[in-house]
Amino acid sequence: MDNWLASLITETPTEGYDLAVKMSRVAVKLTQPDAAMRDKLRPEYAEDAEALIAVSHVVATNFATVAAANGYWRK
């Protein structure tokens, strides 16, 4: 992959959350680079409440990292 993550610094918390989601999605793509396999597996976890909660946890962890890097957007 190219250098898609140039910085954790964002202007707003909303941009920070969007970055956290992207970080989570990129992690999945790096872990399972076969797009066809990801598409095949999607229906299984799309209806699994525990899997969806786990995804939310990963995004929240990434958002905490971005928020810390941005000083929690205190000005």
C-alpha atoms as a PDB file:
ATOM      1  CA  MET A   1       0.000   0.000   0.000  1.00  0.00           C
ATOM      2  CA  ASP A   2       1.071   3.530  -0.582  1.00  0.00           C
ATOM      3  CA  ASN A   3       1.614   5.952   2.297  1.00  0.00           C
ATOM      4  CA  TRP A   4      -2.086   6.439   3.013  1.00  0.00           C
ATOM      5  CA  LEU A   5      -1.534   7.468   6.641  1.00  0.00           C
ATOM      6  CA  ALA A   6       0.552  10.603   6.476  1.00  0.00           C
ATOM      7  CA  SER A   7      -0.569  11.850   9.886  1.00  0.00           C
ATOM      8  CA  LEU A   8      -2.937  11.206  12.760  1.00  0.00           C
ATOM      9  CA  ILE A   9      -3.603  14.933  13.059  1.00  0.00           C
ATOM     10  CA  THR A  10      -7.099  16.025  12.014  1.00  0.00           C
ATOM     11  CA  GLU A  11      -8.939  19.320  12.191  1.00  0.00           C
ATOM     12  CA  THR A  12     -12.031  18.034  14.005  1.00  0.00           C
ATOM     13  CA  PRO A  13     -13.216  15.066  16.046  1.00  0.00           C
ATOM     14  CA  THR A  14     -15.475  14.077  13.132  1.00  0.00           C
ATOM     15  CA  GLU A  15     -12.477  13.901  10.814  1.00  0.00           C
ATOM     16  CA  GLY A  16     -10.679  11.953  13.532  1.00  0.00           C
ATOM     17  CA  TYR A  17     -13.496   9.434  13.736  1.00  0.00           C
ATOM     18  CA  ASP A  18     -13.507   9.059   9.950  1.00  0.00           C
ATOM     19  CA  LEU A  19      -9.768   8.386  10.118  1.00  0.00           C
ATOM     20  CA  ALA A  20     -10.312   5.788  12.848  1.00  0.00           C
ATOM     21  CA  VAL A  21     -12.840   3.987  10.636  1.00  0.00           C
ATOM     22  CA  LYS A  22     -10.416   4.073   7.713  1.00  0.00           C
ATOM     23  CA  MET A  23      -7.610   2.727   9.903  1.00  0.00           C
ATOM     24  CA  SER A  24      -9.868  -0.156  10.915  1.00  0.00           C
ATOM     25  CA  ARG A  25     -10.857  -0.908   7.314  1.00  0.00           C
ATOM     26  CA  VAL A  26      -7.254  -0.846   6.133  1.00  0.00           C
ATOM     27  CA  ALA A  27      -6.325  -3.277   8.914  1.00  0.00           C
ATOM     28  CA  VAL A  28      -8.930  -5.724   7.605  1.00  0.00           C
ATOM     29  CA  LYS A  29      -7.651  -5.343   4.036  1.00  0.00           C
ATOM     30  CA  LEU A  30      -4.079  -5.958   5.144  1.00  0.00           C
ATOM     31  CA  THR A  31      -5.117  -8.955   7.228  1.00  0.00           C
ATOM     32  CA  GLN A  32      -7.248 -10.442   4.417  1.00  0.00           C
ATOM     33  CA  PRO A  33      -5.977  -9.026   1.110  1.00  0.00           C
ATOM     34  CA  ASP A  34      -8.286 -11.217  -1.003  1.00  0.00           C
ATOM     35  CA  ALA A  35     -11.317  -9.022  -1.793  1.00  0.00           C
ATOM     36  CA  ALA A  36     -13.351 -12.004  -2.952  1.00  0.00           C
ATOM     37  CA  MET A  37     -12.789 -13.731   0.383  1.00  0.00           C
ATOM     38  CA  ARG A  38     -13.767 -10.589   2.303  1.00  0.00           C
ATOM     39  CA  ASP A  39     -16.958 -10.393   0.239  1.00  0.00           C
ATOM     40  CA  LYS A  40     -17.651 -14.075   0.890  1.00  0.00           C
ATOM     41  CA  LEU A  41     -17.234 -13.656   4.659  1.00  0.00           C
ATOM     42  CA  ARG A  42     -19.226 -10.429   4.955  1.00  0.00           C
ATOM     43  CA  PRO A  43     -22.695 -12.042   5.206  1.00  0.00           C
ATOM     44  CA  GLU A  44     -21.500 -14.164   8.127  1.00  0.00           C
ATOM     45  CA  TYR A  45     -20.372 -11.276  10.314  1.00  0.00           C
ATOM     46  CA  ALA A  46     -22.984  -8.801   9.042  1.00  0.00           C
ATOM     47  CA  GLU A  47     -25.639 -10.707  10.989  1.00  0.00           C
ATOM     48  CA  ASP A  48     -23.471 -11.511  14.006  1.00  0.00           C
ATOM     49  CA  ALA A  49     -24.078  -9.056  16.854  1.00  0.00           C
ATOM     50  CA  GLU A  50     -20.869 -10.042  18.660  1.00  0.00           C
ATOM     51  CA  ALA A  51     -18.793  -9.481  15.512  1.00  0.00           C
ATOM     52  CA  LEU A  52     -20.366  -6.061  14.980  1.00  0.00           C
ATOM     53  CA  ILE A  53     -19.670  -5.100  18.592  1.00  0.00           C
ATOM     54  CA  ALA A  54     -16.064  -6.226  18.113  1.00  0.00           C
ATOM     55  CA  VAL A  55     -15.784  -3.980  15.061  1.00  0.00           C
ATOM     56  CA  SER A  56     -17.091  -1.057  17.108  1.00  0.00           C
ATOM     57  CA  HIS A  57     -14.433  -1.789  19.725  1.00  0.00           C
ATOM     58  CA  VAL A  58     -11.643  -1.694  17.130  1.00  0.00           C
ATOM     59  CA  VAL A  59     -12.907   1.626  15.757  1.00  0.00           C
ATOM     60  CA  ALA A  60     -13.187   3.032  19.288  1.00  0.00           C
ATOM     61  CA  THR A  61      -9.614   1.994  20.057  1.00  0.00           C
ATOM     62  CA  ASN A  62      -8.382   3.635  16.861  1.00  0.00           C
ATOM     63  CA  PHE A  63     -10.410   6.759  17.646  1.00  0.00           C
ATOM     64  CA  ALA A  64      -8.834   6.959  21.104  1.00  0.00           C
ATOM     65  CA  THR A  65      -5.414   6.847  19.439  1.00  0.00           C
ATOM     66  CA  VAL A  66      -6.319   9.620  16.996  1.00  0.00           C
ATOM     67  CA  ALA A  67      -7.909  11.713  19.759  1.00  0.00           C
ATOM     68  CA  ALA A  68      -4.797  11.444  21.903  1.00  0.00           C
ATOM     69  CA  ALA A  69      -2.604  12.425  18.971  1.00  0.00           C
ATOM     70  CA  ASN A  70      -4.744  15.516  18.533  1.00  0.00           C
ATOM     71  CA  GLY A  71      -4.665  16.549  22.179  1.00  0.00           C
ATOM     72  CA  TYR A  72      -8.362  15.701  22.308  1.00  0.00           C
ATOM     73  CA  TRP A  73      -8.906  18.763  20.078  1.00  0.00           C
ATOM     74  CA  ARG A  74      -8.436  21.139  23.011  1.00  0.00           C
ATOM     75  CA  LYS A  75      -7.682  24.656  21.932  1.00  0.00           C
END
